[in-house]
Amino acid sequence: MNTNVGTLDRALRILAGLVLIALAATGTVGWWGWLGVVPLATGLFRFCPAYTLLGINTCPMKK
């Protein structure tokens, strides 16, 4: 499992995930807000399976 999520991408994923989870927890949005766990997890682990399938890498680190 190689790192394929860069710094800005990671920060945006974590922020979006936390916002969606908070909105779901407060009842502002429906159950789908709990899907914020996905961007949160991909941001924390710095790995996105969809990026691997699409051949995308936003991480500036060299292999």
C-alpha atoms as a PDB file:
ATOM      1  CA  MET A   1       0.000   0.000   0.000  1.00  0.00           C
ATOM      2  CA  ASN A   2       1.833   3.065  -1.297  1.00  0.00           C
ATOM      3  CA  THR A   3       1.019   6.619  -0.288  1.00  0.00           C
ATOM      4  CA  ASN A   4      -0.902   8.327  -3.095  1.00  0.00           C
ATOM      5  CA  VAL A   5      -2.674  11.244  -1.353  1.00  0.00           C
ATOM      6  CA  GLY A   6      -0.780  14.539  -1.149  1.00  0.00           C
ATOM      7  CA  THR A   7      -0.810  17.173   1.593  1.00  0.00           C
ATOM      8  CA  LEU A   8      -3.528  19.498   0.254  1.00  0.00           C
ATOM      9  CA  ASP A   9      -5.643  16.570  -0.892  1.00  0.00           C
ATOM     10  CA  ARG A  10      -5.247  14.978   2.550  1.00  0.00           C
ATOM     11  CA  ALA A  11      -6.290  18.138   4.404  1.00  0.00           C
ATOM     12  CA  LEU A  12      -9.385  18.591   2.220  1.00  0.00           C
ATOM     13  CA  ARG A  13     -10.400  14.954   2.668  1.00  0.00           C
ATOM     14  CA  ILE A  14     -10.063  15.136   6.451  1.00  0.00           C
ATOM     15  CA  LEU A  15     -11.996  18.408   6.605  1.00  0.00           C
ATOM     16  CA  ALA A  16     -14.786  17.141   4.346  1.00  0.00           C
ATOM     17  CA  GLY A  17     -15.034  13.903   6.302  1.00  0.00           C
ATOM     18  CA  LEU A  18     -15.262  15.665   9.648  1.00  0.00           C
ATOM     19  CA  VAL A  19     -17.881  18.112   8.356  1.00  0.00           C
ATOM     20  CA  LEU A  20     -20.052  15.317   6.951  1.00  0.00           C
ATOM     21  CA  ILE A  21     -19.797  13.275  10.146  1.00  0.00           C
ATOM     22  CA  ALA A  22     -20.641  16.315  12.289  1.00  0.00           C
ATOM     23  CA  LEU A  23     -23.664  17.122  10.109  1.00  0.00           C
ATOM     24  CA  ALA A  24     -24.864  13.529  10.356  1.00  0.00           C
ATOM     25  CA  ALA A  25     -24.337  13.425  14.123  1.00  0.00           C
ATOM     26  CA  THR A  26     -26.392  16.580  14.635  1.00  0.00           C
ATOM     27  CA  GLY A  27     -29.184  15.362  12.357  1.00  0.00           C
ATOM     28  CA  THR A  28     -28.721  18.139   9.795  1.00  0.00           C
ATOM     29  CA  VAL A  29     -28.300  15.616   6.981  1.00  0.00           C
ATOM     30  CA  GLY A  30     -29.519  12.059   6.652  1.00  0.00           C
ATOM     31  CA  TRP A  31     -27.708   8.787   7.114  1.00  0.00           C
ATOM     32  CA  TRP A  32     -25.543   9.463   4.053  1.00  0.00           C
ATOM     33  CA  GLY A  33     -23.528  11.973   6.100  1.00  0.00           C
ATOM     34  CA  TRP A  34     -21.878   9.015   7.804  1.00  0.00           C
ATOM     35  CA  LEU A  35     -20.190   8.308   4.476  1.00  0.00           C
ATOM     36  CA  GLY A  36     -17.791  11.033   5.615  1.00  0.00           C
ATOM     37  CA  VAL A  37     -15.892   8.171   7.235  1.00  0.00           C
ATOM     38  CA  VAL A  38     -14.522   7.274   3.788  1.00  0.00           C
ATOM     39  CA  PRO A  39     -12.759  10.574   2.991  1.00  0.00           C
ATOM     40  CA  LEU A  40     -11.657  10.809   6.627  1.00  0.00           C
ATOM     41  CA  ALA A  41     -10.049   7.363   6.497  1.00  0.00           C
ATOM     42  CA  THR A  42      -8.388   7.947   3.120  1.00  0.00           C
ATOM     43  CA  GLY A  43      -7.011  11.242   4.405  1.00  0.00           C
ATOM     44  CA  LEU A  44      -5.673   9.734   7.617  1.00  0.00           C
ATOM     45  CA  PHE A  45      -4.099   6.716   5.898  1.00  0.00           C
ATOM     46  CA  ARG A  46      -2.882   8.790   2.901  1.00  0.00           C
ATOM     47  CA  PHE A  47      -4.064   6.046   0.564  1.00  0.00           C
ATOM     48  CA  CYS A  48      -7.027   6.086  -1.804  1.00  0.00           C
ATOM     49  CA  PRO A  49      -7.945   2.827  -3.565  1.00  0.00           C
ATOM     50  CA  ALA A  50      -9.787   4.744  -6.308  1.00  0.00           C
ATOM     51  CA  TYR A  51      -6.609   6.705  -7.081  1.00  0.00           C
ATOM     52  CA  THR A  52      -4.765   3.419  -7.549  1.00  0.00           C
ATOM     53  CA  LEU A  53      -7.377   2.172 -10.012  1.00  0.00           C
ATOM     54  CA  LEU A  54      -7.324   5.465 -11.935  1.00  0.00           C
ATOM     55  CA  GLY A  55      -3.525   5.846 -11.856  1.00  0.00           C
ATOM     56  CA  ILE A  56      -3.643   9.145  -9.937  1.00  0.00           C
ATOM     57  CA  ASN A  57      -1.010  10.182  -7.416  1.00  0.00           C
ATOM     58  CA  THR A  58      -1.139  13.594  -5.697  1.00  0.00           C
ATOM     59  CA  CYS A  59       1.700  12.793  -3.302  1.00  0.00           C
ATOM     60  CA  PRO A  60       4.939  14.578  -4.231  1.00  0.00           C
ATOM     61  CA  MET A  61       7.099  11.832  -2.663  1.00  0.00           C
ATOM     62  CA  LYS A  62       9.384   9.891  -5.012  1.00  0.00           C
ATOM     63  CA  LYS A  63       9.030   6.124  -5.257  1.00  0.00           C
END
